[in-house]
PDB file of N, CA and C in Angstrom:
ATOM      1  N   ILE A   1      -8.620 229.395 102.955  1.00  0.00           N
ATOM      2  CA  ILE A   1      -7.563 228.668 102.231  1.00  0.00           C
ATOM      3  C   ILE A   1      -8.169 228.095 100.948  1.00  0.00           C
ATOM      4  N   ASN A   2      -7.415 228.192  99.818  1.00  0.00           N
ATOM      5  CA  ASN A   2      -7.902 227.727  98.517  1.00  0.00           C
ATOM      6  C   ASN A   2      -7.422 226.293  98.283  1.00  0.00           C
ATOM      7  N   PRO A   3      -8.350 225.329  98.153  1.00  0.00           N
ATOM      8  CA  PRO A   3      -7.950 223.934  97.949  1.00  0.00           C
ATOM      9  C   PRO A   3      -7.313 223.696  96.571  1.00  0.00           C
ATOM     10  N   CYS A   4      -7.346 224.698  95.692  1.00  0.00           N
ATOM     11  CA  CYS A   4      -6.778 224.538  94.348  1.00  0.00           C
ATOM     12  C   CYS A   4      -5.368 225.112  94.244  1.00  0.00           C
ATOM     13  N   VAL A   5      -4.790 225.590  95.370  1.00  0.00           N
ATOM     14  CA  VAL A   5      -3.422 226.127  95.350  1.00  0.00           C
ATOM     15  C   VAL A   5      -2.604 225.370  96.379  1.00  0.00           C
ATOM     16  N   PRO A   6      -1.605 224.561  95.956  1.00  0.00           N
ATOM     17  CA  PRO A   6      -1.351 224.203  94.553  1.00  0.00           C
ATOM     18  C   PRO A   6      -2.421 223.249  94.035  1.00  0.00           C
ATOM     19  N   SER A   7      -2.567 223.195  92.719  1.00  0.00           N
ATOM     20  CA  SER A   7      -3.609 222.359  92.124  1.00  0.00           C
ATOM     21  C   SER A   7      -3.298 220.880  92.325  1.00  0.00           C
ATOM     22  N   PRO A   8      -4.279 220.131  92.822  1.00  0.00           N
ATOM     23  CA  PRO A   8      -4.102 218.679  92.979  1.00  0.00           C
ATOM     24  C   PRO A   8      -4.513 217.914  91.713  1.00  0.00           C
ATOM     25  N   CYS A   9      -4.807 218.635  90.638  1.00  0.00           N
ATOM     26  CA  CYS A   9      -5.466 218.014  89.482  1.00  0.00           C
ATOM     27  C   CYS A   9      -4.547 217.434  88.420  1.00  0.00           C
ATOM     28  N   GLY A  10      -3.263 217.763  88.420  1.00  0.00           N
ATOM     29  CA  GLY A  10      -2.356 217.230  87.406  1.00  0.00           C
ATOM     30  C   GLY A  10      -2.330 218.106  86.163  1.00  0.00           C
ATOM     31  N   PRO A  11      -1.477 217.723  85.187  1.00  0.00           N
ATOM     32  CA  PRO A  11      -1.330 218.541  83.976  1.00  0.00           C
ATOM     33  C   PRO A  11      -2.585 218.532  83.101  1.00  0.00           C
ATOM     34  N   TYR A  12      -2.727 219.565  82.280  1.00  0.00           N
ATOM     35  CA  TYR A  12      -3.825 219.715  81.320  1.00  0.00           C
ATOM     36  C   TYR A  12      -5.196 219.705  82.002  1.00  0.00           C
ATOM     37  N   SER A  13      -5.245 220.189  83.249  1.00  0.00           N
ATOM     38  CA  SER A  13      -6.503 220.156  83.987  1.00  0.00           C
ATOM     39  C   SER A  13      -6.791 221.514  84.606  1.00  0.00           C
ATOM     40  N   GLN A  14      -8.016 221.662  85.088  1.00  0.00           N
ATOM     41  CA  GLN A  14      -8.388 222.867  85.821  1.00  0.00           C
ATOM     42  C   GLN A  14      -9.014 222.458  87.142  1.00  0.00           C
ATOM     43  N   CYS A  15      -8.823 223.310  88.139  1.00  0.00           N
ATOM     44  CA  CYS A  15      -9.344 223.038  89.475  1.00  0.00           C
ATOM     45  C   CYS A  15     -10.328 224.137  89.846  1.00  0.00           C
ATOM     46  N   ARG A  16     -11.472 223.726  90.403  1.00  0.00           N
ATOM     47  CA  ARG A  16     -12.444 224.703  90.913  1.00  0.00           C
ATOM     48  C   ARG A  16     -12.704 224.396  92.382  1.00  0.00           C
ATOM     49  N   ASP A  17     -12.848 225.461  93.145  1.00  0.00           N
ATOM     50  CA  ASP A  17     -13.150 225.350  94.577  1.00  0.00           C
ATOM     51  C   ASP A  17     -14.661 225.219  94.714  1.00  0.00           C
ATOM     52  N   ILE A  18     -15.111 224.029  95.061  1.00  0.00           N
ATOM     53  CA  ILE A  18     -16.544 223.789  95.259  1.00  0.00           C
ATOM     54  C   ILE A  18     -16.757 223.526  96.752  1.00  0.00           C
ATOM     55  N   GLY A  19     -17.251 224.529  97.445  1.00  0.00           N
ATOM     56  CA  GLY A  19     -17.525 224.391  98.885  1.00  0.00           C
ATOM     57  C   GLY A  19     -16.309 224.000  99.693  1.00  0.00           C
ATOM     58  N   GLY A  20     -15.141 224.537  99.323  1.00  0.00           N
ATOM     59  CA  GLY A  20     -13.923 224.255 100.077  1.00  0.00           C
ATOM     60  C   GLY A  20     -13.209 222.984  99.656  1.00  0.00           C
ATOM     61  N   SER A  21     -13.738 222.268  98.669  1.00  0.00           N
ATOM     62  CA  SER A  21     -13.090 221.053  98.163  1.00  0.00           C
ATOM     63  C   SER A  21     -12.691 221.269  96.708  1.00  0.00           C
ATOM     64  N   PRO A  22     -11.562 220.649  96.287  1.00  0.00           N
ATOM     65  CA  PRO A  22     -11.157 220.808  94.891  1.00  0.00           C
ATOM     66  C   PRO A  22     -12.028 219.955  93.965  1.00  0.00           C
ATOM     67  N   SER A  23     -12.406 220.526  92.822  1.00  0.00           N
ATOM     68  CA  SER A  23     -13.123 219.783  91.788  1.00  0.00           C
ATOM     69  C   SER A  23     -12.284 219.892  90.520  1.00  0.00           C
ATOM     70  N   CYS A  24     -11.810 218.745  90.050  1.00  0.00           N
ATOM     71  CA  CYS A  24     -10.895 218.724  88.906  1.00  0.00           C
ATOM     72  C   CYS A  24     -11.610 218.311  87.626  1.00  0.00           C
ATOM     73  N   SER A  25     -11.206 218.917  86.528  1.00  0.00           N
ATOM     74  CA  SER A  25     -11.689 218.498  85.211  1.00  0.00           C
ATOM     75  C   SER A  25     -10.589 218.757  84.191  1.00  0.00           C
ATOM     76  N   CYS A  26     -10.627 217.989  83.114  1.00  0.00           N
ATOM     77  CA  CYS A  26      -9.640 218.188  82.050  1.00  0.00           C
ATOM     78  C   CYS A  26      -9.977 219.478  81.310  1.00  0.00           C
ATOM     79  N   LEU A  27      -8.928 220.161  80.860  1.00  0.00           N
ATOM     80  CA  LEU A  27      -9.123 221.366  80.063  1.00  0.00           C
ATOM     81  C   LEU A  27      -9.828 221.001  78.763  1.00  0.00           C
ATOM     82  N   PRO A  28     -10.562 221.965  78.173  1.00  0.00           N
ATOM     83  CA  PRO A  28     -11.164 221.682  76.864  1.00  0.00           C
ATOM     84  C   PRO A  28     -10.056 221.237  75.903  1.00  0.00           C
ATOM     85  N   GLU A  29     -10.366 220.378  74.959  1.00  0.00           N
ATOM     86  CA  GLU A  29      -9.400 219.851  73.988  1.00  0.00           C
ATOM     87  C   GLU A  29      -8.549 218.706  74.558  1.00  0.00           C
ATOM     88  N   TYR A  30      -8.690 218.374  75.828  1.00  0.00           N
ATOM     89  CA  TYR A  30      -7.907 217.287  76.419  1.00  0.00           C
ATOM     90  C   TYR A  30      -8.858 216.183  76.858  1.00  0.00           C
ATOM     91  N   THR A  31      -8.333 214.944  76.895  1.00  0.00           N
ATOM     92  CA  THR A  31      -9.161 213.791  77.226  1.00  0.00           C
ATOM     93  C   THR A  31      -8.633 213.119  78.482  1.00  0.00           C
ATOM     94  N   GLY A  32      -9.395 212.171  78.992  1.00  0.00           N
ATOM     95  CA  GLY A  32      -8.981 211.433  80.176  1.00  0.00           C
ATOM     96  C   GLY A  32      -9.693 211.957  81.409  1.00  0.00           C
ATOM     97  N   THR A  33      -9.174 211.551  82.552  1.00  0.00           N
ATOM     98  CA  THR A  33      -9.724 211.947  83.844  1.00  0.00           C
ATOM     99  C   THR A  33      -8.582 212.435  84.715  1.00  0.00           C
ATOM    100  N   PRO A  34      -8.732 213.609  85.367  1.00  0.00           N
ATOM    101  CA  PRO A  34      -7.643 214.092  86.231  1.00  0.00           C
ATOM    102  C   PRO A  34      -7.264 213.023  87.253  1.00  0.00           C
ATOM    103  N   PRO A  35      -5.996 212.841  87.582  1.00  0.00           N
ATOM    104  CA  PRO A  35      -4.853 213.657  87.150  1.00  0.00           C
ATOM    105  C   PRO A  35      -4.212 213.168  85.848  1.00  0.00           C
ATOM    106  N   ASN A  36      -4.942 212.395  85.051  1.00  0.00           N
ATOM    107  CA  ASN A  36      -4.371 211.824  83.823  1.00  0.00           C
ATOM    108  C   ASN A  36      -4.969 212.439  82.558  1.00  0.00           C
ATOM    109  N   CYS A  37      -5.118 213.762  82.540  1.00  0.00           N
ATOM    110  CA  CYS A  37      -5.596 214.434  81.328  1.00  0.00           C
ATOM    111  C   CYS A  37      -4.458 214.442  80.311  1.00  0.00           C
ATOM    112  N   ARG A  38      -4.815 214.282  79.050  1.00  0.00           N
ATOM    113  CA  ARG A  38      -3.776 214.275  78.023  1.00  0.00           C
ATOM    114  C   ARG A  38      -4.340 214.771  76.704  1.00  0.00           C
ATOM    115  N   PRO A  39      -3.427 215.199  75.804  1.00  0.00           N
ATOM    116  CA  PRO A  39      -3.904 215.602  74.476  1.00  0.00           C
ATOM    117  C   PRO A  39      -4.446 214.395  73.723  1.00  0.00           C
ATOM    118  N   GLU A  40      -5.221 214.651  72.678  1.00  0.00           N
ATOM    119  CA  GLU A  40      -5.785 213.564  71.866  1.00  0.00           C
ATOM    120  C   GLU A  40      -4.676 212.661  71.336  1.00  0.00           C
ATOM    121  N   CYS A  41      -3.543 213.268  70.952  1.00  0.00           N
ATOM    122  CA  CYS A  41      -2.418 212.474  70.464  1.00  0.00           C
ATOM    123  C   CYS A  41      -1.125 213.250  70.676  1.00  0.00           C
ATOM    124  N   ILE A  42      -0.036 212.511  70.719  1.00  0.00           N
ATOM    125  CA  ILE A  42       1.295 213.114  70.758  1.00  0.00           C
ATOM    126  C   ILE A  42       2.047 212.673  69.502  1.00  0.00           C
ATOM    127  N   ILE A  43       1.836 211.419  69.112  1.00  0.00           N
ATOM    128  CA  ILE A  43       2.453 210.897  67.885  1.00  0.00           C
ATOM    129  C   ILE A  43       1.347 210.331  66.988  1.00  0.00           C
ATOM    130  N   SER A  44       1.615 210.270  65.689  1.00  0.00           N
ATOM    131  CA  SER A  44       0.606 209.824  64.719  1.00  0.00           C
ATOM    132  C   SER A  44       0.134 208.397  64.957  1.00  0.00           C
ATOM    133  N   ALA A  45       0.977 207.557  65.544  1.00  0.00           N
ATOM    134  CA  ALA A  45       0.588 206.164  65.794  1.00  0.00           C
ATOM    135  C   ALA A  45      -0.625 206.077  66.722  1.00  0.00           C
ATOM    136  N   GLU A  46      -0.917 207.154  67.467  1.00  0.00           N
ATOM    137  CA  GLU A  46      -2.084 207.163  68.355  1.00  0.00           C
ATOM    138  C   GLU A  46      -3.373 207.479  67.596  1.00  0.00           C
ATOM    139  N   CYS A  47      -3.270 207.807  66.314  1.00  0.00           N
ATOM    140  CA  CYS A  47      -4.433 208.148  65.486  1.00  0.00           C
ATOM    141  C   CYS A  47      -4.763 206.983  64.554  1.00  0.00           C
ATOM    142  N   ALA A  48      -5.959 207.028  63.964  1.00  0.00           N
ATOM    143  CA  ALA A  48      -6.312 206.063  62.923  1.00  0.00           C
ATOM    144  C   ALA A  48      -5.295 206.200  61.788  1.00  0.00           C
ATOM    145  N   SER A  49      -5.085 205.135  61.014  1.00  0.00           N
ATOM    146  CA  SER A  49      -4.022 205.147  59.997  1.00  0.00           C
ATOM    147  C   SER A  49      -4.251 206.176  58.897  1.00  0.00           C
ATOM    148  N   ASN A  50      -5.509 206.658  58.739  1.00  0.00           N
ATOM    149  CA  ASN A  50      -5.772 207.668  57.707  1.00  0.00           C
ATOM    150  C   ASN A  50      -5.710 209.090  58.266  1.00  0.00           C
ATOM    151  N   LEU A  51      -5.215 209.232  59.492  1.00  0.00           N
ATOM    152  CA  LEU A  51      -5.052 210.545  60.121  1.00  0.00           C
ATOM    153  C   LEU A  51      -3.626 210.686  60.632  1.00  0.00           C
ATOM    154  N   ALA A  52      -3.217 211.931  60.893  1.00  0.00           N
ATOM    155  CA  ALA A  52      -1.887 212.204  61.442  1.00  0.00           C
ATOM    156  C   ALA A  52      -2.049 213.105  62.658  1.00  0.00           C
ATOM    157  N   CYS A  53      -1.131 213.000  63.615  1.00  0.00           N
ATOM    158  CA  CYS A  53      -1.181 213.847  64.804  1.00  0.00           C
ATOM    159  C   CYS A  53      -0.590 215.209  64.444  1.00  0.00           C
ATOM    160  N   MET A  54      -1.450 216.219  64.450  1.00  0.00           N
ATOM    161  CA  MET A  54      -1.037 217.583  64.118  1.00  0.00           C
ATOM    162  C   MET A  54      -1.539 218.506  65.226  1.00  0.00           C
ATOM    163  N   ARG A  55      -0.620 219.198  65.883  1.00  0.00           N
ATOM    164  CA  ARG A  55      -0.944 220.080  67.010  1.00  0.00           C
ATOM    165  C   ARG A  55      -1.814 219.352  68.046  1.00  0.00           C
ATOM    166  N   GLU A  56      -1.393 218.149  68.388  1.00  0.00           N
ATOM    167  CA  GLU A  56      -2.013 217.310  69.421  1.00  0.00           C
ATOM    168  C   GLU A  56      -3.433 216.856  69.091  1.00  0.00           C
ATOM    169  N   LYS A  57      -3.801 216.903  67.790  1.00  0.00           N
ATOM    170  CA  LYS A  57      -5.111 216.436  67.344  1.00  0.00           C
ATOM    171  C   LYS A  57      -4.916 215.475  66.178  1.00  0.00           C
ATOM    172  N   CYS A  58      -5.783 214.459  66.076  1.00  0.00           N
ATOM    173  CA  CYS A  58      -5.758 213.556  64.928  1.00  0.00           C
ATOM    174  C   CYS A  58      -6.503 214.254  63.793  1.00  0.00           C
ATOM    175  N   ARG A  59      -5.779 214.564  62.722  1.00  0.00           N
ATOM    176  CA  ARG A  59      -6.359 215.320  61.614  1.00  0.00           C
ATOM    177  C   ARG A  59      -6.008 214.675  60.274  1.00  0.00           C
ATOM    178  N   ASP A  60      -6.778 215.057  59.249  1.00  0.00           N
ATOM    179  CA  ASP A  60      -6.489 214.641  57.877  1.00  0.00           C
ATOM    180  C   ASP A  60      -5.249 215.406  57.420  1.00  0.00           C
ATOM    181  N   PRO A  61      -4.154 214.701  57.074  1.00  0.00           N
ATOM    182  CA  PRO A  61      -2.934 215.412  56.677  1.00  0.00           C
ATOM    183  C   PRO A  61      -2.944 215.891  55.221  1.00  0.00           C
ATOM    184  N   CYS A  62      -4.026 215.618  54.470  1.00  0.00           N
ATOM    185  CA  CYS A  62      -4.039 215.971  53.044  1.00  0.00           C
ATOM    186  C   CYS A  62      -4.127 217.469  52.741  1.00  0.00           C
ATOM    187  N   PRO A  63      -4.990 218.243  53.405  1.00  0.00           N
ATOM    188  CA  PRO A  63      -5.113 219.651  52.992  1.00  0.00           C
ATOM    189  C   PRO A  63      -3.761 220.366  52.952  1.00  0.00           C
ATOM    190  N   GLY A  64      -3.464 220.924  51.783  1.00  0.00           N
ATOM    191  CA  GLY A  64      -2.215 221.665  51.613  1.00  0.00           C
ATOM    192  C   GLY A  64      -0.993 220.811  51.312  1.00  0.00           C
ATOM    193  N   SER A  65      -1.166 219.483  51.229  1.00  0.00           N
ATOM    194  CA  SER A  65      -0.003 218.610  51.014  1.00  0.00           C
ATOM    195  C   SER A  65       0.342 218.402  49.547  1.00  0.00           C
ATOM    196  N   CYS A  66      -0.669 218.397  48.673  1.00  0.00           N
ATOM    197  CA  CYS A  66      -0.441 218.063  47.268  1.00  0.00           C
ATOM    198  C   CYS A  66      -0.615 219.284  46.372  1.00  0.00           C
ATOM    199  N   GLY A  67      -0.106 219.161  45.152  1.00  0.00           N
ATOM    200  CA  GLY A  67      -0.202 220.240  44.177  1.00  0.00           C
ATOM    201  C   GLY A  67      -1.577 220.319  43.535  1.00  0.00           C
ATOM    202  N   ALA A  68      -1.751 221.336  42.693  1.00  0.00           N
ATOM    203  CA  ALA A  68      -3.020 221.568  42.002  1.00  0.00           C
ATOM    204  C   ALA A  68      -3.404 220.362  41.151  1.00  0.00           C
ATOM    205  N   GLY A  69      -4.654 219.921  41.280  1.00  0.00           N
ATOM    206  CA  GLY A  69      -5.162 218.823  40.471  1.00  0.00           C
ATOM    207  C   GLY A  69      -4.754 217.443  40.936  1.00  0.00           C
ATOM    208  N   ALA A  70      -3.943 217.347  41.992  1.00  0.00           N
ATOM    209  CA  ALA A  70      -3.470 216.038  42.463  1.00  0.00           C
ATOM    210  C   ALA A  70      -4.481 215.413  43.415  1.00  0.00           C
ATOM    211  N   GLN A  71      -4.413 214.097  43.523  1.00  0.00           N
ATOM    212  CA  GLN A  71      -5.235 213.356  44.475  1.00  0.00           C
ATOM    213  C   GLN A  71      -4.376 213.023  45.679  1.00  0.00           C
ATOM    214  N   CYS A  72      -5.000 213.008  46.856  1.00  0.00           N
ATOM    215  CA  CYS A  72      -4.271 212.673  48.081  1.00  0.00           C
ATOM    216  C   CYS A  72      -4.931 211.483  48.748  1.00  0.00           C
ATOM    217  N   ASN A  73      -4.131 210.487  49.066  1.00  0.00           N
ATOM    218  CA  ASN A  73      -4.580 209.342  49.859  1.00  0.00           C
ATOM    219  C   ASN A  73      -3.638 209.236  51.039  1.00  0.00           C
ATOM    220  N   VAL A  74      -4.184 208.876  52.194  1.00  0.00           N
ATOM    221  CA  VAL A  74      -3.359 208.761  53.390  1.00  0.00           C
ATOM    222  C   VAL A  74      -3.071 207.290  53.635  1.00  0.00           C
ATOM    223  N   ILE A  75      -1.791 206.957  53.689  1.00  0.00           N
ATOM    224  CA  ILE A  75      -1.373 205.589  53.975  1.00  0.00           C
ATOM    225  C   ILE A  75      -0.445 205.650  55.176  1.00  0.00           C
ATOM    226  N   ASN A  76      -0.835 204.968  56.247  1.00  0.00           N
ATOM    227  CA  ASN A  76      -0.042 204.921  57.473  1.00  0.00           C
ATOM    228  C   ASN A  76       0.338 206.329  57.949  1.00  0.00           C
ATOM    229  N   HIS A  77      -0.670 207.196  58.056  1.00  0.00           N
ATOM    230  CA  HIS A  77      -0.550 208.566  58.589  1.00  0.00           C
ATOM    231  C   HIS A  77       0.152 209.530  57.646  1.00  0.00           C
ATOM    232  N   THR A  78       0.555 209.075  56.449  1.00  0.00           N
ATOM    233  CA  THR A  78       1.333 209.912  55.535  1.00  0.00           C
ATOM    234  C   THR A  78       0.522 210.242  54.287  1.00  0.00           C
ATOM    235  N   PRO A  79       0.464 211.531  53.900  1.00  0.00           N
ATOM    236  CA  PRO A  79      -0.259 211.866  52.672  1.00  0.00           C
ATOM    237  C   PRO A  79       0.537 211.413  51.442  1.00  0.00           C
ATOM    238  N   ILE A  80      -0.129 210.688  50.549  1.00  0.00           N
ATOM    239  CA  ILE A  80       0.493 210.215  49.312  1.00  0.00           C
ATOM    240  C   ILE A  80      -0.200 210.955  48.165  1.00  0.00           C
ATOM    241  N   CYS A  81       0.580 211.739  47.422  1.00  0.00           N
ATOM    242  CA  CYS A  81       0.032 212.549  46.332  1.00  0.00           C
ATOM    243  C   CYS A  81       0.264 211.851  44.995  1.00  0.00           C
ATOM    244  N   THR A  82      -0.783 211.792  44.173  1.00  0.00           N
ATOM    245  CA  THR A  82      -0.660 211.204  42.840  1.00  0.00           C
ATOM    246  C   THR A  82      -1.470 212.038  41.855  1.00  0.00           C
ATOM    247  N   CYS A  83      -1.047 212.011  40.596  1.00  0.00           N
ATOM    248  CA  CYS A  83      -1.837 212.646  39.542  1.00  0.00           C
ATOM    249  C   CYS A  83      -2.915 211.648  39.127  1.00  0.00           C
ATOM    250  N   PRO A  84      -4.160 212.123  38.928  1.00  0.00           N
ATOM    251  CA  PRO A  84      -5.216 211.192  38.533  1.00  0.00           C
ATOM    252  C   PRO A  84      -4.954 210.587  37.153  1.00  0.00           C
ATOM    253  N   GLU A  85      -5.671 209.513  36.852  1.00  0.00           N
ATOM    254  CA  GLU A  85      -5.518 208.847  35.559  1.00  0.00           C
ATOM    255  C   GLU A  85      -5.791 209.846  34.440  1.00  0.00           C
ATOM    256  N   GLY A  86      -4.950 209.822  33.426  1.00  0.00           N
ATOM    257  CA  GLY A  86      -5.104 210.748  32.310  1.00  0.00           C
ATOM    258  C   GLY A  86      -4.380 212.070  32.524  1.00  0.00           C
ATOM    259  N   TYR A  87      -3.723 212.201  33.683  1.00  0.00           N
ATOM    260  CA  TYR A  87      -2.976 213.421  33.996  1.00  0.00           C
ATOM    261  C   TYR A  87      -1.516 213.072  34.229  1.00  0.00           C
ATOM    262  N   THR A  88      -0.661 214.054  34.126  1.00  0.00           N
ATOM    263  CA  THR A  88       0.762 213.863  34.343  1.00  0.00           C
ATOM    264  C   THR A  88       1.297 215.077  35.086  1.00  0.00           C
ATOM    265  N   GLY A  89       2.563 215.039  35.433  1.00  0.00           N
ATOM    266  CA  GLY A  89       3.178 216.155  36.149  1.00  0.00           C
ATOM    267  C   GLY A  89       3.713 215.719  37.493  1.00  0.00           C
ATOM    268  N   ASP A  90       4.099 216.684  38.305  1.00  0.00           N
ATOM    269  CA  ASP A  90       4.599 216.423  39.651  1.00  0.00           C
ATOM    270  C   ASP A  90       3.436 216.616  40.615  1.00  0.00           C
ATOM    271  N   PRO A  91       2.962 215.534  41.263  1.00  0.00           N
ATOM    272  CA  PRO A  91       1.785 215.668  42.124  1.00  0.00           C
ATOM    273  C   PRO A  91       1.993 216.608  43.314  1.00  0.00           C
ATOM    274  N   PHE A  92       3.242 216.976  43.597  1.00  0.00           N
ATOM    275  CA  PHE A  92       3.483 217.895  44.711  1.00  0.00           C
ATOM    276  C   PHE A  92       3.440 219.349  44.254  1.00  0.00           C
ATOM    277  N   THR A  93       3.463 219.592  42.924  1.00  0.00           N
ATOM    278  CA  THR A  93       3.341 220.965  42.420  1.00  0.00           C
ATOM    279  C   THR A  93       2.056 221.105  41.613  1.00  0.00           C
ATOM    280  N   SER A  94       1.931 220.380  40.495  1.00  0.00           N
ATOM    281  CA  SER A  94       0.657 220.396  39.779  1.00  0.00           C
ATOM    282  C   SER A  94       0.574 219.260  38.771  1.00  0.00           C
ATOM    283  N   CYS A  95      -0.670 218.823  38.545  1.00  0.00           N
ATOM    284  CA  CYS A  95      -0.963 217.789  37.554  1.00  0.00           C
ATOM    285  C   CYS A  95      -1.704 218.463  36.403  1.00  0.00           C
ATOM    286  N   PHE A  96      -1.439 218.020  35.192  1.00  0.00           N
ATOM    287  CA  PHE A  96      -2.117 218.584  34.024  1.00  0.00           C
ATOM    288  C   PHE A  96      -2.468 217.442  33.081  1.00  0.00           C
ATOM    289  N   PRO A  97      -3.481 217.666  32.211  1.00  0.00           N
ATOM    290  CA  PRO A  97      -3.897 216.579  31.310  1.00  0.00           C
ATOM    291  C   PRO A  97      -2.740 216.112  30.440  1.00  0.00           C
ATOM    292  N   LYS A  98      -2.660 214.798  30.282  1.00  0.00           N
ATOM    293  CA  LYS A  98      -1.632 214.228  29.396  1.00  0.00           C
ATOM    294  C   LYS A  98      -1.958 214.630  27.975  1.00  0.00           C
ATOM    295  N   PRO A  99      -0.927 214.986  27.183  1.00  0.00           N
ATOM    296  CA  PRO A  99      -1.216 215.250  25.771  1.00  0.00           C
ATOM    297  C   PRO A  99      -1.671 213.947  25.117  1.00  0.00           C
ATOM    298  N   PRO A 100      -2.537 214.050  24.095  1.00  0.00           N
ATOM    299  CA  PRO A 100      -3.000 212.808  23.452  1.00  0.00           C
ATOM    300  C   PRO A 100      -1.828 212.066  22.816  1.00  0.00           C
ATOM    301  N   ASP A 101      -1.918 210.745  22.860  1.00  0.00           N
ATOM    302  CA  ASP A 101      -0.872 209.935  22.228  1.00  0.00           C
ATOM    303  C   ASP A 101      -0.962 210.142  20.722  1.00  0.00           C
ATOM    304  N   VAL A 102       0.158 210.488  20.128  1.00  0.00           N
ATOM    305  CA  VAL A 102       0.197 210.700  18.676  1.00  0.00           C
ATOM    306  C   VAL A 102       0.684 209.411  18.033  1.00  0.00           C
ATOM    307  N   GLU A 103      -0.125 208.903  17.118  1.00  0.00           N
ATOM    308  CA  GLU A 103       0.273 207.687  16.407  1.00  0.00           C
ATOM    309  C   GLU A 103       1.415 208.045  15.463  1.00  0.00           C
ATOM    310  N   PRO A 104       2.495 207.274  15.471  1.00  0.00           N
ATOM    311  CA  PRO A 104       3.574 207.585  14.530  1.00  0.00           C
ATOM    312  C   PRO A 104       3.059 207.425  13.101  1.00  0.00           C
ATOM    313  N   VAL A 105       3.408 208.381  12.264  1.00  0.00           N
ATOM    314  CA  VAL A 105       2.950 208.341  10.872  1.00  0.00           C
ATOM    315  C   VAL A 105       3.817 207.336  10.115  1.00  0.00           C
ATOM    316  N   GLN A 106       3.143 206.374   9.507  1.00  0.00           N
ATOM    317  CA  GLN A 106       3.873 205.374   8.727  1.00  0.00           C
ATOM    318  C   GLN A 106       4.137 205.956   7.336  1.00  0.00           C
ATOM    319  N   ALA A 107       5.396 205.900   6.911  1.00  0.00           N
ATOM    320  CA  ALA A 107       5.712 206.329   5.548  1.00  0.00           C
ATOM    321  C   ALA A 107       5.037 205.335   4.611  1.00  0.00           C
ATOM    322  N   SER A 108       4.307 205.847   3.647  1.00  0.00           N
ATOM    323  CA  SER A 108       3.610 204.916   2.756  1.00  0.00           C
ATOM    324  C   SER A 108       4.609 204.291   1.783  1.00  0.00           C
ATOM    325  N   ASP A 109       4.457 203.019   1.609  1.00  0.00           N
ATOM    326  CA  ASP A 109       5.337 202.277   0.701  1.00  0.00           C
ATOM    327  C   ASP A 109       4.436 201.640  -0.348  1.00  0.00           C
ATOM    328  N   PRO A 110       4.461 202.182  -1.586  1.00  0.00           N
ATOM    329  CA  PRO A 110       3.568 201.636  -2.617  1.00  0.00           C
ATOM    330  C   PRO A 110       3.883 200.183  -2.970  1.00  0.00           C
ATOM    331  N   CYS A 111       5.055 199.681  -2.550  1.00  0.00           N
ATOM    332  CA  CYS A 111       5.397 198.289  -2.850  1.00  0.00           C
ATOM    333  C   CYS A 111       5.044 197.344  -1.705  1.00  0.00           C
ATOM    334  N   ASN A 112       4.374 197.863  -0.657  1.00  0.00           N
ATOM    335  CA  ASN A 112       4.017 196.998   0.459  1.00  0.00           C
ATOM    336  C   ASN A 112       2.543 197.221   0.763  1.00  0.00           C
ATOM    337  N   PRO A 113       1.648 196.301   0.530  1.00  0.00           N
ATOM    338  CA  PRO A 113       1.951 195.023  -0.137  1.00  0.00           C
ATOM    339  C   PRO A 113       2.212 195.230  -1.630  1.00  0.00           C
ATOM    340  N   SER A 114       2.932 194.308  -2.198  1.00  0.00           N
ATOM    341  CA  SER A 114       3.332 194.431  -3.611  1.00  0.00           C
ATOM    342  C   SER A 114       2.126 194.286  -4.533  1.00  0.00           C
ATOM    343  N   PRO A 115       1.958 195.279  -5.433  1.00  0.00           N
ATOM    344  CA  PRO A 115       0.865 195.168  -6.403  1.00  0.00           C
ATOM    345  C   PRO A 115       1.249 194.271  -7.584  1.00  0.00           C
ATOM    346  N   CYS A 116       2.539 193.862  -7.617  1.00  0.00           N
ATOM    347  CA  CYS A 116       3.021 193.062  -8.749  1.00  0.00           C
ATOM    348  C   CYS A 116       2.706 191.587  -8.538  1.00  0.00           C
ATOM    349  N   GLY A 117       2.681 190.865  -9.589  1.00  0.00           N
ATOM    350  CA  GLY A 117       2.378 189.442  -9.533  1.00  0.00           C
ATOM    351  C   GLY A 117       3.558 188.640  -9.025  1.00  0.00           C
ATOM    352  N   PRO A 118       3.376 187.302  -8.960  1.00  0.00           N
ATOM    353  CA  PRO A 118       4.468 186.442  -8.517  1.00  0.00           C
ATOM    354  C   PRO A 118       5.659 186.535  -9.463  1.00  0.00           C
ATOM    355  N   ASN A 119       6.832 186.331  -8.932  1.00  0.00           N
ATOM    356  CA  ASN A 119       8.095 186.378  -9.673  1.00  0.00           C
ATOM    357  C   ASN A 119       8.362 187.749 -10.285  1.00  0.00           C
ATOM    358  N   ALA A 120       7.735 188.823  -9.729  1.00  0.00           N
ATOM    359  CA  ALA A 120       7.972 190.182 -10.219  1.00  0.00           C
ATOM    360  C   ALA A 120       8.551 191.001  -9.085  1.00  0.00           C
ATOM    361  N   GLN A 121       9.315 192.023  -9.445  1.00  0.00           N
ATOM    362  CA  GLN A 121       9.920 192.876  -8.437  1.00  0.00           C
ATOM    363  C   GLN A 121       9.271 194.247  -8.531  1.00  0.00           C
ATOM    364  N   CYS A 122       8.894 194.813  -7.374  1.00  0.00           N
ATOM    365  CA  CYS A 122       8.269 196.134  -7.344  1.00  0.00           C
ATOM    366  C   CYS A 122       9.346 197.167  -7.093  1.00  0.00           C
ATOM    367  N   ALA A 123       9.365 198.209  -7.871  1.00  0.00           N
ATOM    368  CA  ALA A 123      10.311 199.309  -7.673  1.00  0.00           C
ATOM    369  C   ALA A 123       9.513 200.590  -7.516  1.00  0.00           C
ATOM    370  N   ASP A 124       9.761 201.336  -6.464  1.00  0.00           N
ATOM    371  CA  ASP A 124       9.053 202.588  -6.202  1.00  0.00           C
ATOM    372  C   ASP A 124       9.650 203.665  -7.085  1.00  0.00           C
ATOM    373  N   GLY A 125       8.811 204.258  -7.923  1.00  0.00           N
ATOM    374  CA  GLY A 125       9.277 205.355  -8.756  1.00  0.00           C
ATOM    375  C   GLY A 125       9.606 204.827 -10.081  1.00  0.00           C
TER     376      GLY A 125
END
């Protein structure tokens, strides 16, 4: 008779027949002690705040989340994409260097400041 049929070990576990007695262990990738084996996480709240629960594992949610050139920071299990300083664009598609700020060209006014003396009027042209 096989002591592992039916398995006394609970979910996410394996049973081995050791000298006619069941020996239980958690499956690889699962934690705990039989019969309470469980995945590393089911929801992101079970992970550190800079990780998210993905396929029952606490992982960095940044890879593949942001666009080209964007920075990713994880806040409360959520990837936050931003363009770095000096860059612009949509951080979810791509960031590109900001064009240089162009100083508005001031129209030159030969009467400002006035080259004329006091009580005189300057006329351009």
